[in-house]
Amino acid sequence: MLYYAVIFFVVAIVAAVLGFGGIAAGAASIAKILFVVFLILAVLSLVKGMGKK
């Protein structure tokens, strides 16, 4: 599960760079939504992975 948490975190960071950096102005709102979604998935995966130990 820790692997998935890291993957989701990386995707969230990429979405944040695209959304908050102004690189893709047309896709900024989509990138912001993806950032939140994948950040939540990363946190949930991290919590679930730590609970198994």
N, C-alpha and C. Protein backbone atom coordinates (compact mmCIF):
# COMPACT_ATOMS: atom_id res chain seq x y z
N MET A 1 0.82 -1.20 0.00
CA MET A 1 0.00 0.00 0.00
C MET A 1 0.86 1.27 0.00
N LEU A 2 2.04 1.17 0.59
CA LEU A 2 2.91 2.33 0.61
C LEU A 2 3.32 2.71 -0.82
N TYR A 3 3.47 1.70 -1.67
CA TYR A 3 3.81 1.95 -3.07
C TYR A 3 2.73 2.80 -3.74
N TYR A 4 1.47 2.45 -3.51
CA TYR A 4 0.37 3.20 -4.09
C TYR A 4 0.29 4.61 -3.52
N ALA A 5 0.60 4.77 -2.25
CA ALA A 5 0.60 6.09 -1.64
C ALA A 5 1.63 6.99 -2.31
N VAL A 6 2.80 6.44 -2.59
CA VAL A 6 3.84 7.22 -3.25
C VAL A 6 3.43 7.57 -4.68
N ILE A 7 2.84 6.63 -5.39
CA ILE A 7 2.39 6.88 -6.76
C ILE A 7 1.33 7.96 -6.78
N PHE A 8 0.34 7.86 -5.90
CA PHE A 8 -0.72 8.87 -5.84
C PHE A 8 -0.15 10.23 -5.47
N PHE A 9 0.85 10.26 -4.59
CA PHE A 9 1.46 11.52 -4.19
C PHE A 9 2.18 12.17 -5.36
N VAL A 10 2.90 11.38 -6.14
CA VAL A 10 3.61 11.91 -7.30
C VAL A 10 2.62 12.46 -8.33
N VAL A 11 1.54 11.74 -8.57
CA VAL A 11 0.52 12.23 -9.50
C VAL A 11 -0.10 13.52 -8.98
N ALA A 12 -0.31 13.61 -7.67
CA ALA A 12 -0.86 14.83 -7.09
C ALA A 12 0.09 16.01 -7.27
N ILE A 13 1.37 15.78 -7.11
CA ILE A 13 2.36 16.85 -7.29
C ILE A 13 2.39 17.31 -8.75
N VAL A 14 2.34 16.38 -9.68
CA VAL A 14 2.32 16.74 -11.10
C VAL A 14 1.07 17.56 -11.42
N ALA A 15 -0.07 17.13 -10.89
CA ALA A 15 -1.31 17.88 -11.11
C ALA A 15 -1.23 19.27 -10.50
N ALA A 16 -0.57 19.39 -9.35
CA ALA A 16 -0.43 20.69 -8.71
C ALA A 16 0.45 21.62 -9.55
N VAL A 17 1.53 21.08 -10.08
CA VAL A 17 2.41 21.90 -10.92
C VAL A 17 1.65 22.40 -12.14
N LEU A 18 0.87 21.53 -12.76
CA LEU A 18 0.11 21.94 -13.93
C LEU A 18 -1.01 22.92 -13.56
N GLY A 19 -1.66 22.67 -12.45
CA GLY A 19 -2.81 23.49 -12.07
C GLY A 19 -2.45 24.82 -11.46
N PHE A 20 -1.46 24.82 -10.58
CA PHE A 20 -1.13 26.04 -9.86
C PHE A 20 -0.01 26.82 -10.54
N GLY A 21 0.74 26.18 -11.43
CA GLY A 21 1.86 26.83 -12.08
C GLY A 21 1.46 27.67 -13.29
N GLY A 22 0.27 27.51 -13.77
CA GLY A 22 -0.18 28.30 -14.91
C GLY A 22 0.35 27.80 -16.24
N ILE A 23 0.93 26.62 -16.26
CA ILE A 23 1.49 26.08 -17.50
C ILE A 23 0.37 25.78 -18.50
N ALA A 24 -0.65 25.13 -18.03
CA ALA A 24 -1.78 24.77 -18.89
C ALA A 24 -3.01 25.52 -18.39
N ALA A 25 -3.19 26.71 -18.89
CA ALA A 25 -4.28 27.56 -18.40
C ALA A 25 -5.65 26.94 -18.66
N GLY A 26 -5.80 26.28 -19.78
CA GLY A 26 -7.08 25.68 -20.11
C GLY A 26 -7.42 24.48 -19.24
N ALA A 27 -6.41 23.78 -18.78
CA ALA A 27 -6.63 22.57 -17.98
C ALA A 27 -6.40 22.81 -16.49
N ALA A 28 -6.34 24.05 -16.08
CA ALA A 28 -6.01 24.36 -14.69
C ALA A 28 -7.06 23.83 -13.72
N SER A 29 -8.32 24.00 -14.05
CA SER A 29 -9.36 23.54 -13.12
C SER A 29 -9.37 22.01 -13.02
N ILE A 30 -9.13 21.34 -14.14
CA ILE A 30 -9.07 19.87 -14.12
C ILE A 30 -7.87 19.41 -13.29
N ALA A 31 -6.75 20.08 -13.45
CA ALA A 31 -5.55 19.70 -12.70
C ALA A 31 -5.73 19.93 -11.21
N LYS A 32 -6.42 20.99 -10.84
CA LYS A 32 -6.67 21.25 -9.42
C LYS A 32 -7.56 20.17 -8.82
N ILE A 33 -8.57 19.75 -9.57
CA ILE A 33 -9.45 18.68 -9.09
C ILE A 33 -8.66 17.37 -8.97
N LEU A 34 -7.84 17.07 -9.96
CA LEU A 34 -7.02 15.86 -9.91
C LEU A 34 -6.04 15.90 -8.75
N PHE A 35 -5.50 17.07 -8.47
CA PHE A 35 -4.59 17.22 -7.33
C PHE A 35 -5.27 16.82 -6.03
N VAL A 36 -6.47 17.32 -5.82
CA VAL A 36 -7.20 17.01 -4.59
C VAL A 36 -7.56 15.53 -4.53
N VAL A 37 -8.03 14.98 -5.64
CA VAL A 37 -8.43 13.57 -5.67
C VAL A 37 -7.25 12.66 -5.36
N PHE A 38 -6.13 12.88 -6.04
CA PHE A 38 -4.99 11.99 -5.84
C PHE A 38 -4.30 12.24 -4.51
N LEU A 39 -4.38 13.45 -3.98
CA LEU A 39 -3.84 13.69 -2.64
C LEU A 39 -4.65 12.93 -1.60
N ILE A 40 -5.96 12.92 -1.75
CA ILE A 40 -6.82 12.15 -0.83
C ILE A 40 -6.52 10.66 -0.96
N LEU A 41 -6.37 10.17 -2.19
CA LEU A 41 -6.04 8.76 -2.40
C LEU A 41 -4.68 8.41 -1.79
N ALA A 42 -3.72 9.32 -1.89
CA ALA A 42 -2.40 9.07 -1.31
C ALA A 42 -2.49 8.97 0.20
N VAL A 43 -3.23 9.88 0.82
CA VAL A 43 -3.37 9.85 2.28
C VAL A 43 -4.10 8.59 2.73
N LEU A 44 -5.17 8.23 2.03
CA LEU A 44 -5.92 7.02 2.39
C LEU A 44 -5.06 5.77 2.23
N SER A 45 -4.28 5.69 1.17
CA SER A 45 -3.40 4.54 0.97
C SER A 45 -2.32 4.48 2.04
N LEU A 46 -1.80 5.64 2.40
CA LEU A 46 -0.77 5.68 3.44
C LEU A 46 -1.33 5.22 4.78
N VAL A 47 -2.51 5.70 5.13
CA VAL A 47 -3.14 5.32 6.40
C VAL A 47 -3.47 3.83 6.41
N LYS A 48 -4.01 3.34 5.31
CA LYS A 48 -4.36 1.92 5.23
C LYS A 48 -3.11 1.04 5.27
N GLY A 49 -2.05 1.47 4.63
CA GLY A 49 -0.80 0.72 4.64
C GLY A 49 -0.14 0.70 6.00
N MET A 50 -0.24 1.78 6.74
CA MET A 50 0.35 1.83 8.07
C MET A 50 -0.48 1.03 9.07
N GLY A 51 -1.76 0.87 8.81
CA GLY A 51 -2.63 0.13 9.70
C GLY A 51 -2.38 -1.36 9.68
N LYS A 52 -1.78 -1.87 8.61
CA LYS A 52 -1.53 -3.31 8.49
C LYS A 52 -0.32 -3.76 9.31
N LYS A 53 0.53 -2.84 9.71
CA LYS A 53 1.75 -3.21 10.44
C LYS A 53 1.47 -3.49 11.88
